[in-house]
Protein backbone atom coordinates (compact mmCIF):
# COMPACT_ATOMS: atom_id res chain seq x y z
CA LEU A 1 -0.05 -20.24 5.73
CA ALA A 2 -2.30 -20.01 2.78
CA LEU A 3 -5.09 -22.23 4.67
CA VAL A 4 -4.20 -20.27 7.57
CA GLY A 5 -7.59 -18.59 8.54
CA ARG A 6 -10.06 -20.59 6.04
CA PRO A 7 -13.05 -22.49 7.67
CA ARG A 8 -12.71 -25.90 9.86
CA THR A 9 -12.76 -28.85 7.21
CA LEU A 10 -15.18 -30.37 10.29
CA PRO A 11 -17.55 -27.63 12.57
CA LEU A 12 -16.54 -27.81 16.00
CA ASN A 13 -20.30 -28.59 17.58
CA HIS A 14 -20.17 -29.44 20.73
CA PRO A 15 -21.35 -27.41 23.28
CA ARG A 16 -18.48 -26.14 24.93
CA TYR A 17 -17.41 -24.19 21.46
CA GLN A 18 -19.25 -21.04 21.53
CA ALA A 19 -19.38 -18.76 17.94
CA GLY A 20 -15.77 -16.94 18.83
CA THR A 21 -13.83 -20.20 19.86
CA ALA A 22 -15.09 -21.93 17.12
CA ASN A 23 -12.90 -19.45 15.44
CA ALA A 24 -10.22 -18.98 17.23
CA PHE A 25 -6.63 -20.77 16.46
CA ASP A 26 -5.85 -24.29 17.80
CA PRO A 27 -3.66 -23.48 20.89
CA TYR A 28 -1.23 -26.36 19.33
CA ASN A 29 -1.62 -24.73 16.09
CA ALA A 30 -0.83 -21.00 17.40
CA THR A 31 1.83 -22.55 18.70
CA ALA A 32 2.88 -24.41 15.23
CA LEU A 33 1.98 -21.13 13.25
CA ARG A 34 4.59 -18.91 15.66
CA GLY A 35 6.83 -21.43 15.17
CA LEU A 36 6.77 -21.31 11.52
CA ALA A 37 6.78 -17.79 11.09
CA TRP A 38 10.14 -17.52 12.73
CA LEU A 39 11.29 -20.32 11.54
CA LEU A 40 10.12 -18.23 7.36
CA SER A 41 12.80 -15.48 9.02
CA LEU A 42 15.72 -17.70 8.65
CA LEU A 43 15.54 -18.66 4.78
CA PRO A 44 16.81 -16.33 2.32
CA PRO A 45 14.68 -13.48 1.04
CA HIS A 46 12.12 -14.22 -1.27
CA ARG A 47 8.39 -11.61 -1.63
CA ASP A 48 6.42 -14.76 -1.02
CA THR A 49 8.06 -15.18 2.58
CA ALA A 50 6.88 -11.36 3.19
CA ARG A 51 3.38 -11.34 1.56
CA ALA A 52 2.47 -15.04 3.51
CA LEU A 53 3.49 -13.22 6.31
CA SER A 54 1.86 -9.91 6.37
CA ALA A 55 -1.04 -11.96 5.41
CA LEU A 56 -1.02 -14.28 8.58
CA VAL A 57 -0.55 -10.97 11.00
CA GLU A 58 -3.98 -9.70 9.11
CA THR A 59 -5.64 -12.76 9.65
CA SER A 60 -4.70 -13.78 13.25
CA LEU A 61 -6.68 -9.83 14.26
CA LYS A 62 -9.40 -10.18 12.46
CA LYS A 63 -11.81 -9.79 15.03
CA VAL A 64 -14.42 -12.69 15.45
CA PRO A 65 -17.33 -12.67 18.05
CA GLY A 66 -17.34 -13.01 21.06
CA LEU A 67 -13.40 -13.60 20.94
CA GLY A 68 -11.76 -10.17 19.50
CA PRO A 69 -8.72 -10.57 17.82
CA ARG A 70 -7.95 -14.29 16.65
CA ASN A 71 -4.86 -14.70 17.94
CA PRO A 72 -2.57 -11.67 18.65
CA ASN A 73 0.65 -14.19 20.00
CA VAL A 74 0.12 -15.32 16.22
CA ALA A 75 0.42 -11.77 14.73
CA ASN A 76 3.27 -10.52 16.75
CA ALA A 77 5.52 -13.35 15.30
CA GLY A 78 4.84 -12.41 12.00
CA VAL A 79 5.78 -9.79 12.79
CA ILE A 80 8.31 -10.29 14.76
CA ALA A 81 9.73 -12.51 11.68
CA LEU A 82 9.06 -10.00 8.95
CA ALA A 83 11.80 -7.34 11.03
CA ARG A 84 14.10 -9.86 11.03
CA ILE A 85 13.98 -10.48 6.85
CA ASP A 86 16.46 -7.91 5.27
CA SER A 87 14.51 -7.46 1.93
CA GLU A 88 12.72 -4.58 0.35
CA ALA A 89 9.95 -6.69 0.15
CA ALA A 90 9.34 -7.35 3.90
CA LEU A 91 10.01 -3.51 4.68
CA ALA A 92 7.27 -2.40 2.61
CA GLU A 93 5.36 -4.92 4.33
CA LEU A 94 6.16 -3.77 7.27
CA ALA A 95 5.59 0.31 6.09
CA ARG A 96 2.01 -1.43 4.76
CA LEU A 97 1.00 -3.00 8.11
CA ALA A 98 2.04 -0.25 10.65
CA THR A 99 -0.86 1.93 8.49
CA ARG A 100 -3.62 -1.33 9.21
CA VAL A 101 -2.63 -2.48 12.06
CA THR A 102 -4.77 -0.80 15.41
CA TYR A 103 -4.42 -3.62 17.92
CA LYS A 104 -1.83 -2.32 20.66
CA ASN A 105 0.81 -4.93 21.03
CA THR A 106 1.26 -5.18 17.66
CA SER A 107 1.36 -2.02 16.15
CA ARG A 108 3.59 -0.86 18.87
CA LEU A 109 5.59 -3.79 17.98
CA LEU A 110 5.64 -2.68 14.16
CA ASP A 111 5.91 0.90 15.16
CA SER A 112 9.97 -0.17 16.93
CA ALA A 113 10.31 -2.67 13.77
CA LEU A 114 10.35 0.34 11.47
CA ALA A 115 11.73 3.03 14.50
CA GLU A 116 15.09 0.25 14.44
CA ARG A 117 15.19 0.11 10.55
CA ALA A 118 15.19 3.62 10.13
CA THR A 119 17.90 4.31 12.87
CA ALA A 120 20.37 1.95 11.39
CA LEU A 121 20.10 3.77 7.56
CA GLY A 122 19.78 6.93 9.52
CA LEU A 123 16.83 8.56 8.70
CA SER A 124 13.65 9.16 10.14
CA ARG A 125 9.98 7.37 11.02
CA GLU A 126 8.59 8.86 7.75
CA GLU A 127 11.27 8.94 5.64
CA ILE A 128 11.13 5.45 5.60
CA GLU A 129 7.55 4.42 5.04
CA GLU A 130 8.22 6.38 1.89
CA LEU A 131 11.08 4.73 0.66
CA ALA A 132 9.51 1.55 1.57
CA VAL A 133 7.05 1.60 -1.31
CA PRO A 134 7.74 -0.50 -3.88
CA GLY A 135 7.38 0.17 -7.17
CA TYR A 136 5.94 -3.20 -8.38
CA GLY A 137 7.77 -3.44 -11.49
CA LEU A 138 5.97 -0.23 -12.77
CA THR A 139 7.92 1.57 -15.66
CA GLU A 140 6.16 4.34 -15.34
CA VAL A 141 3.89 6.74 -12.64
CA GLY A 142 0.92 4.48 -12.46
CA GLY A 143 1.71 2.43 -15.52
CA GLY A 144 4.13 -0.49 -16.93
CA ARG A 145 4.25 -3.14 -19.51
CA TYR A 146 5.29 -7.19 -18.96
CA PRO A 147 5.80 -9.16 -22.15
CA PHE A 148 5.02 -13.10 -22.11
CA GLY A 149 6.24 -13.88 -25.22
CA GLU A 150 3.89 -12.74 -28.57
CA THR A 151 1.01 -11.11 -25.41
CA THR A 152 1.70 -8.47 -23.36
CA ALA A 153 -0.02 -7.69 -19.94
CA ASP A 154 -0.58 -4.14 -19.59
CA VAL A 155 -1.07 -3.19 -15.60
CA ARG A 156 -3.03 0.22 -15.00
CA VAL A 157 -3.60 2.52 -11.99
CA PRO A 158 -6.32 4.89 -13.18
CA GLY A 159 -7.61 4.97 -9.69
CA SER A 160 -7.47 3.69 -6.34
CA ARG A 161 -6.80 0.01 -8.04
CA ALA A 162 -5.08 -1.71 -10.39
CA VAL A 163 -6.06 -2.82 -13.61
CA LEU A 164 -5.02 -5.53 -15.76
CA SER A 165 -5.00 -6.17 -19.54
CA TRP A 166 -3.75 -8.19 -21.84
CA HIS A 167 -2.63 -7.90 -25.33
CA SER A 168 -1.63 -9.42 -28.57
CA VAL A 169 1.40 -8.94 -30.59
CA THR A 170 -0.28 -6.48 -33.24
CA GLY A 171 -2.03 -4.93 -29.86
CA ARG A 172 -5.79 -5.68 -29.90
CA VAL A 173 -6.93 -6.60 -27.35
CA VAL A 174 -7.19 -10.05 -25.28
CA LYS A 175 -10.29 -10.96 -23.36
CA GLY A 176 -8.63 -12.45 -20.41
CA VAL A 177 -5.30 -14.32 -19.68
CA PRO A 178 -4.60 -16.56 -23.38
CA ALA A 179 -4.18 -20.37 -22.67
CA ALA A 180 -0.60 -19.99 -24.52
CA VAL A 181 0.51 -17.58 -21.72
CA ARG A 182 -0.80 -20.10 -18.57
CA ARG A 183 1.02 -22.96 -20.49
CA ALA A 184 4.07 -21.63 -21.71
CA TYR A 185 4.55 -18.40 -18.05
CA PRO A 186 2.53 -19.84 -15.25
CA GLU A 187 5.08 -18.88 -12.60
CA LYS A 188 5.47 -15.31 -13.88
CA LEU A 189 1.70 -14.79 -14.53
CA LYS A 190 1.56 -15.79 -10.91
CA GLU A 191 4.12 -13.11 -9.83
CA LEU A 192 1.88 -10.77 -11.66
CA LYS A 193 -1.74 -11.00 -10.34
CA ALA A 194 0.04 -11.25 -6.74
CA ALA A 195 1.74 -7.83 -7.61
CA VAL A 196 -1.68 -6.76 -9.28
CA LYS A 197 -2.95 -7.70 -5.64
CA ASP A 198 -0.23 -6.00 -3.69
CA ILE A 199 -0.83 -2.54 -5.63
CA ASP A 200 -4.22 -2.60 -4.44
CA LYS A 201 -3.47 -3.17 -0.84
CA MET A 202 -0.55 -0.84 -0.54
CA LEU A 203 -2.41 1.88 -2.42
CA THR A 204 -4.88 1.68 0.42
CA ALA A 205 -2.34 2.00 3.00
CA GLN A 206 -0.73 4.64 1.33
CA SER A 207 -3.93 6.96 0.88
CA GLU A 208 -4.21 6.36 3.88
CA ARG A 209 -0.53 7.47 5.30
CA LEU A 210 -0.83 10.50 2.98
CA ASP A 211 -4.06 11.66 4.63
CA ARG A 212 -2.72 11.63 7.96
CA GLN A 213 0.52 13.72 7.36
CA PHE A 214 -2.08 16.95 7.18
CA LEU A 215 -2.09 16.31 11.16
CA ALA A 216 2.09 15.18 11.61
CA ARG A 217 2.46 19.26 9.62
CA ARG A 218 5.22 17.19 7.41
CA THR A 219 7.61 18.64 5.08
CA TRP A 220 9.55 17.63 2.20
CA ALA A 221 12.63 18.93 0.43
CA TYR A 222 11.25 19.45 -3.46
CA GLN A 223 13.69 16.67 -4.96
CA ALA A 224 13.04 14.47 -2.19
CA TRP A 225 9.36 14.90 -2.83
CA ARG A 226 9.19 14.64 -6.61
CA GLU A 227 11.70 11.21 -6.35
CA ARG A 228 9.58 9.98 -3.58
CA CYS A 229 5.88 11.30 -4.29
CA LEU A 230 5.31 12.31 -7.11
CA ASP A 231 7.68 10.85 -9.72
CA HIS A 232 7.56 7.33 -7.57
CA PRO A 233 5.39 4.42 -10.17
CA LEU A 234 2.83 3.77 -7.13
CA LEU A 235 2.64 7.41 -4.62
CA GLY A 236 2.55 9.38 -7.68
CA THR A 237 -0.80 7.84 -8.82
CA LEU A 238 -2.08 9.22 -5.45
CA ALA A 239 0.14 12.77 -5.10
CA ARG A 240 -0.76 13.59 -8.30
CA ARG A 241 -4.55 13.63 -7.62
CA LEU A 242 -3.66 15.77 -4.64
CA LEU A 243 -3.14 19.97 -4.04
CA TRP A 244 0.60 20.79 -2.41
CA THR A 245 2.19 23.68 -1.40
CA VAL A 246 5.34 24.49 -2.66
CA ASP A 247 7.11 27.68 -1.52
CA GLY A 248 3.41 28.63 -0.51
CA MET A 249 2.23 28.62 -3.94
CA THR A 250 -0.80 26.12 -3.91
CA VAL A 251 -0.20 23.36 -7.29
CA GLY A 252 -1.96 20.41 -8.84
CA PHE A 253 -0.35 18.17 -11.23
CA ALA A 254 -1.80 18.49 -14.99
CA ASP A 255 -1.37 17.39 -18.47
CA GLY A 256 1.75 16.32 -17.56
CA GLU A 257 3.22 18.90 -15.22
CA LEU A 258 2.30 20.88 -11.76
CA ARG A 259 0.55 23.95 -12.25
CA THR A 260 -0.95 27.16 -10.43
CA LEU A 261 -4.89 28.19 -9.94
CA THR A 262 -4.40 29.90 -13.56
CA ASP A 263 -2.19 26.54 -14.77
CA THR A 264 0.99 28.81 -14.67
CA PRO A 265 4.00 25.44 -14.27
CA VAL A 266 5.99 25.02 -11.42
CA THR A 267 9.26 23.79 -12.12
CA SER A 268 11.43 24.28 -9.36
CA GLY A 269 10.79 25.31 -5.33
CA ALA A 270 12.62 24.48 -1.69
CA GLN A 271 10.20 23.44 0.29
CA VAL A 272 6.71 21.45 -0.18
CA GLU A 273 3.73 20.37 1.89
CA LEU A 274 0.59 18.66 1.35
CA TRP A 275 -2.59 21.31 1.37
CA HIS A 276 -5.29 21.98 3.75
CA PRO A 277 -8.05 24.15 2.85
CA VAL A 278 -7.52 25.34 6.60
CA GLY A 279 -6.35 29.55 6.53
CA HIS A 280 -7.54 29.52 3.06
CA GLN A 281 -10.09 31.55 2.11
CA PRO A 282 -14.05 29.61 0.88
CA ALA A 283 -13.38 31.61 -2.33
CA GLU A 284 -10.31 29.93 -3.52
CA VAL A 285 -11.29 26.21 -1.93
CA VAL A 286 -14.10 26.31 -4.65
CA ALA A 287 -11.65 28.09 -7.10
CA TRP A 288 -9.77 25.01 -6.55
CA ARG A 289 -12.71 22.24 -6.94
CA ASP A 290 -13.65 23.68 -9.70
CA TRP A 291 -10.36 23.27 -11.29
CA LEU A 292 -10.16 19.41 -10.12
CA GLU A 293 -13.09 19.23 -12.12
CA ARG A 294 -11.59 20.84 -15.06
CA HIS A 295 -8.84 18.46 -15.46
CA ALA A 296 -10.95 15.23 -14.60
CA ILE A 297 -8.98 14.53 -11.28
CA THR A 298 -10.88 12.33 -8.54
CA GLN A 299 -9.08 12.92 -5.49
CA PRO A 300 -7.79 9.73 -3.43
CA PHE A 301 -9.59 11.28 0.27
CA LYS A 302 -11.31 14.85 0.84
CA GLN A 303 -8.89 17.66 0.47
CA ALA A 304 -10.79 20.66 -1.20
CA HIS A 305 -14.09 19.04 -0.59
CA ARG A 306 -13.21 18.19 3.48
CA GLU A 307 -15.47 19.83 5.56
CA VAL A 308 -14.01 22.97 7.68
CA TYR A 309 -15.63 23.55 10.91
């Protein structure tokens, strides 16, 4: 499956092969890919399986000139296979794809798969999407340390991408992956690098999902919001750079606490919503822009600087 989407080993030079057709899947190969996807769903759950099927969906929906999506049927087979796998990794990929896929038929399949999983767990679609966000082994909001013998890998999420660095036993930063780590821990290293790539993809997807909550008028119970958003190892990196409304009071996160415009800590509440500049006086909006600048916070998408017409 890792070879899917790569250029052909031999170009199709016959006149009847147009540019789009040359980049399409061979019909026989497409049928084989669908079968492989379905067979994967029968194997014991594995994170690599979820990754492979998710990549297959995205590759199969990639548009090529003169053709459109490369092969929606293969993409749909990947979604069906993911829906059949009962694992957190598969659910996470379904939730991520739901924020990225725009092709209607595949999008409907994703919606149906998530709705079925939500019904089975007695949750709403929004809740299942939040619970599906994995922590990727991060031990705190936006960070995690992974021992590799005497060397330690440090993963940080300061913004929209994860940053991987290596440290010696004395704490000194090591440039690149140490040779000893490559030799002694090849599989563990491969998994860590894959997780870093997964984090980057998930950050983009979750930023877009949170941005849509403006229109959804989503509200959270305070404790559930803290667990699923603010204090979540990955989602927290986004939620802590946004402005929220707790029981009607606007707050932002700075210096380890939720704070008001005057930096007064807020430690409890009942209902939380995503803050939007509509309905707030221009002077207040400008004040919050200054607050974000003062605390050196770069928001994941336009909020305090969002245009209002």
